[in-house]
Structure formats: C-alpha cells, structure tokens
Amino acid sequence: QTFQKFGIWAKPFRSPSLTSTTSSTSSSAEVRIGPPVEDEGMARCSFPVDGVGVDENGTLQMGDTSVEYVLRRKGELSLGELLEGMKKLGGIEISPAARDYLVQRCQPPSVEAVRTWLQALMAD
C-alpha cells in the first residue's frame, strides 16, 4: 500500500551553505518547508502567507482577512515558519540569542482576534 504525503515546496533564494551536506544540490531545486502531512487541505494551511480568518459561521477562510475574526494577517509568519524559511530557503541560521530577542519583543497582532472571539462566545 502506498501513502501519499503532501507538503509545501519552494525554491531557495540563496545557495545552500558550503558546509551543508547537500552542497551539491542546485539552488534552483525545490525544498520542502513544513512537515509532510497526509491531507492536502492541511498542507494548504502550512505557511499561509495570504492570511487566515474565521467568518461568523465558524468557517475557516484561507486568504481572506475581511472576515469577522482574523487569525493571521496577510504577510504574517509564525516564528517557527520564519526560522525554517530562513534556514531552508536562504541558508541563514538564526542564533539562539536572536530567537530569544524575537520571542520577547514580537507579539502577533492576530492574538487580539482570538481574544475578541472568545469574549463574544462567552457573552452568548
């Protein structure tokens, strides 16, 4: 039995590091970002740079930030997605100190949408 795995593939914008074991790979070869998943719909939710929202009926809307509750604005990435993208697509490793700095100072603005949704839910 064969199992199909889905994922997000992208072309690196910078050659891999010379110290990498894959240094013979061309910079134009696509690399997988995010984990392999068994459902195509879940794969489409990986690295959603076009925004994610939930409408008033509770339906998840990919690429639509004009909905009632915005979970992720257009152009937003999680820190994990940013770090993985920098490493796999740009060959740039972010130091632990830089990661700590980002974690302490960056608050995703979409957290407010979740708080608003929960408050509205509790009020009903």
Protein backbone atom coordinates (compact mmCIF):
# COMPACT_ATOMS: atom_id res chain seq x y z
CA GLN A 1 0.00 0.00 0.00
CA THR A 2 1.31 3.44 -0.93
CA PHE A 3 0.67 6.51 1.18
CA GLN A 4 0.61 9.95 -0.38
CA LYS A 5 2.24 12.74 1.60
CA PHE A 6 1.55 16.39 0.86
CA GLY A 7 3.66 19.42 1.63
CA ILE A 8 4.74 22.88 0.62
CA TRP A 9 7.67 23.15 -1.79
CA ALA A 10 9.61 26.33 -2.58
CA LYS A 11 12.75 27.36 -4.43
CA PRO A 12 15.62 28.68 -2.28
CA PHE A 13 16.54 32.30 -2.93
CA ARG A 14 20.13 31.69 -1.87
CA SER A 15 22.59 28.85 -2.44
CA PRO A 16 22.88 26.36 0.41
CA SER A 17 25.79 26.72 2.82
CA LEU A 18 29.07 25.26 1.64
CA THR A 19 29.27 23.32 4.89
CA SER A 20 25.93 21.66 4.18
CA THR A 21 25.90 18.01 3.19
CA THR A 22 23.61 18.98 0.31
CA SER A 23 26.05 21.48 -1.17
CA SER A 24 25.92 19.63 -4.48
CA THR A 25 22.21 20.46 -4.79
CA SER A 26 21.41 23.26 -7.20
CA SER A 27 19.92 26.40 -5.67
CA SER A 28 17.05 26.09 -8.14
CA ALA A 29 15.95 22.72 -6.73
CA GLU A 30 12.80 22.99 -4.66
CA VAL A 31 12.91 22.12 -0.97
CA ARG A 32 10.09 21.09 1.36
CA ILE A 33 9.13 23.59 4.03
CA GLY A 34 6.91 22.44 6.83
CA PRO A 35 6.21 18.83 7.73
CA PRO A 36 4.85 16.25 5.31
CA VAL A 37 1.14 15.71 6.01
CA GLU A 38 -1.37 13.14 4.86
CA ASP A 39 -4.12 15.57 3.88
CA GLU A 40 -3.89 18.11 1.05
CA GLY A 41 -6.08 20.56 2.96
CA MET A 42 -3.70 20.50 5.92
CA ALA A 43 -0.77 21.07 3.58
CA ARG A 44 -2.50 24.17 2.22
CA CYS A 45 -2.62 25.51 5.81
CA SER A 46 1.19 25.35 6.09
CA PHE A 47 2.92 28.71 5.64
CA PRO A 48 -0.32 30.64 4.90
CA VAL A 49 1.16 33.99 3.83
CA ASP A 50 -2.14 35.23 2.34
CA GLY A 51 -3.88 35.43 5.70
CA VAL A 52 -6.30 33.23 7.64
CA GLY A 53 -9.60 34.13 9.20
CA VAL A 54 -12.82 32.71 10.56
CA ASP A 55 -16.19 34.01 9.43
CA GLU A 56 -19.20 34.46 11.72
CA ASN A 57 -20.36 30.91 10.91
CA GLY A 58 -17.08 29.45 12.19
CA THR A 59 -15.77 28.54 8.73
CA LEU A 60 -12.01 28.83 8.25
CA GLN A 61 -11.19 31.19 5.38
CA MET A 62 -7.75 30.94 3.80
CA GLY A 63 -6.50 34.09 2.08
CA ASP A 64 -9.43 36.19 3.31
CA THR A 65 -8.77 38.71 6.03
CA SER A 66 -12.03 40.61 5.57
CA VAL A 67 -13.81 38.09 7.81
CA GLU A 68 -15.15 38.56 11.32
CA TYR A 69 -12.07 37.16 13.08
CA VAL A 70 -8.58 37.44 11.61
CA LEU A 71 -6.27 34.72 12.90
CA ARG A 72 -3.30 35.66 10.77
CA ARG A 73 -2.91 38.81 8.73
CA LYS A 74 -1.58 38.75 5.20
CA GLY A 75 2.21 38.52 5.26
CA GLU A 76 2.46 37.16 8.81
CA LEU A 77 4.55 34.10 9.65
CA SER A 78 4.96 32.28 12.93
CA LEU A 79 8.46 32.35 14.41
CA GLY A 80 8.89 28.66 13.59
CA GLU A 81 7.92 29.26 9.96
CA LEU A 82 10.26 32.25 9.76
CA LEU A 83 13.19 30.27 11.16
CA GLU A 84 12.57 27.30 8.88
CA GLY A 85 12.17 29.53 5.83
CA MET A 86 15.34 31.46 6.60
CA LYS A 87 17.29 28.22 7.01
CA LYS A 88 15.92 26.19 4.12
CA LEU A 89 15.30 28.94 1.59
CA GLY A 90 18.02 31.40 2.49
CA GLY A 91 20.69 29.29 4.13
CA ILE A 92 20.57 31.64 7.13
CA GLU A 93 20.74 30.22 10.64
CA ILE A 94 19.28 32.46 13.37
CA SER A 95 21.23 32.37 16.64
CA PRO A 96 19.52 31.38 19.91
CA ALA A 97 20.06 34.93 21.21
CA ALA A 98 18.29 36.40 18.16
CA ARG A 99 15.42 33.92 18.57
CA ASP A 100 15.04 34.89 22.23
CA TYR A 101 15.01 38.57 21.25
CA LEU A 102 12.25 37.97 18.71
CA VAL A 103 10.17 35.88 21.12
CA GLN A 104 10.38 38.53 23.86
CA ARG A 105 9.57 41.51 21.64
CA CYS A 106 7.25 40.29 18.91
CA GLN A 107 3.58 39.84 19.69
CA PRO A 108 1.42 38.55 16.86
CA PRO A 109 -1.38 41.08 16.29
CA SER A 110 -3.84 38.30 15.45
CA VAL A 111 -3.97 37.25 19.12
CA GLU A 112 -6.49 40.07 19.59
CA ALA A 113 -8.88 38.33 17.15
CA VAL A 114 -8.82 35.16 19.25
CA ARG A 115 -9.43 37.16 22.44
CA THR A 116 -12.36 39.02 20.82
CA TRP A 117 -13.86 35.76 19.55
CA LEU A 118 -13.62 34.13 22.99
CA GLN A 119 -15.20 37.17 24.67
CA ALA A 120 -18.08 37.12 22.19
CA LEU A 121 -18.52 33.40 22.70
CA MET A 122 -18.62 33.76 26.49
CA ALA A 123 -21.15 36.61 26.26
CA ASP A 124 -23.63 34.42 24.31
